[in-house]
Amino acid sequence: MLLILPTDTYRAADFLAAASRLDVDVIVGSERRQMMAASMGDRAVVVPMGDVDAAVGIIAALHERRPVDAVLAVDDQGLMVAAAASEHLGMTHNPPASVAATRDKAALRARLAASSVPQPDYRVVQPDGRISNAAAEIGYPCVVKPVSRSGSQGVIRVDDRAQAVAAEDRIRSIVGASETLLVERFVPGAEVAVEGLLGGGTLEVLAVFDKPDPLDGPFFEETIYVTPSRQPPPVLAAVEATVASATAALGLREGPVHAELRIGPRGELTVLEVAARSIGGLCARALRFGVGVSLEEVIIRHAVGAGLDGLRRETQASGVMMLPIRSAGVLERVSGLNDARSVDGVAGVEISIPVGRPVVPLPEGDRYLGFIFASGSDPADVELALRRAEASLDIVVGAPPGLATSDRRLER
């Protein structure tokens, strides 16, 4: 398998470990040369993820020397390369145009609209357009976002014209003046995330996560994910059917899918996002299938045609908390880790930004401070364990270089 791993991905270790457990030979494709590349031979290859045609040529040449059975991208950056290379080599794949639609939020909205999939009212704002004009057309409150980013980077809720003007300036400072922006009507309600796997265009839902913390803005930091969902069975059935309709509208056919939806007060559903990849960060560690099988193993088994043998998610509840960054600066200290890890039900705590490194909150930032994992007999117990573990942490961020040197403690 050619595994496309951006150098800044969280997920390299988990996918490589999964491939090892499955006895799958891995060739690592990254946008920069690996430190050990000289000794790895064709087990490491530079793949220019920003130039799909060039990347496909490199992968085709590699395939001539060392045939590969699958090309798999683990993060957004490599999805177009994986789809195009798989198509070129005649492998089972998602159509590149369908993957491209998931990487451009305006294109995604257009495809969903063409198939009448429920989604927010929206307007596309070209680089020479004005957010305030689009927002006035669909009505406040609304959400402004760049079409090409993920992880809530650059996403801002606005409630009036003044906020819309300020949000446009702020988002442009993040993504540049040439980026197309999207304005969507804000949809209130509970939010769920769906993890699924497509085979031949048929969706199998692997897990539905509740997001118990309200996501009402002005920024949209995700924190807690807990599965199984506590939504009523009829709502969950509708969620699964709606995600299946969305993937069909996009033309997706193979591999992992991650979708996010809002559930209104009367159970009405609104599709917010659909991605042709699995859940981001280290969140996949909250899922296990069969007897301890990871989500990465499930994805690799599907990619190489090994079959899933009826694997289902473990019956116990599980969850993850993404530790948000509350203020900009330099991470000076994280204490209380042992206390957090000793909370009943907590399975692990990972701090993903080293002490001494800069930290940047949303909407400018694109990383989380870390992850807490928990499992238990029911979702309420898991949620409580995650909150208790987070409360045990003492995180200190110092002022950015050039500003006042007094420490600023992150507010919980």
Foldseek 3Di string as FASTA:
>chain_A
DEEEDEPPAQCPVVLVVLCVVVVHQYAYEYCDQDPCNVVCDRSYDHANLVDLVVNLVRVVVSCVVPNDLAYYYADLSNQLNRQVNCVVVVHDHFHSQLQVCQQFVVSLVVLCVVLVQFAFDKDKAFLPGAQLVRCVVRDPFKWKAFGHDDQQALIFTDGHSVRRRVSVVVSCVQVNSGTMMMIGHDDDAWKKKWKWWFAQLDIDTQAIWTQPDGQDDRTGHGWKTKPDDPDDPVLVVVVVVSVSSSCVSSRTGGFMKMWMWGQDPVRDIHTDHIHRHGDGRPFQVQWAKDPRNTPSNVRVCRRSVVDDVPIHTDPWMKMKTFAFDQAWAFWADKDLQVVLCPQPFWDDKFQDDDHGHIDDGPNNDDGTRIMIMGTDRDRVVNVVSNVSSVVRMWTWGAHHPPDDGDIDTGDD
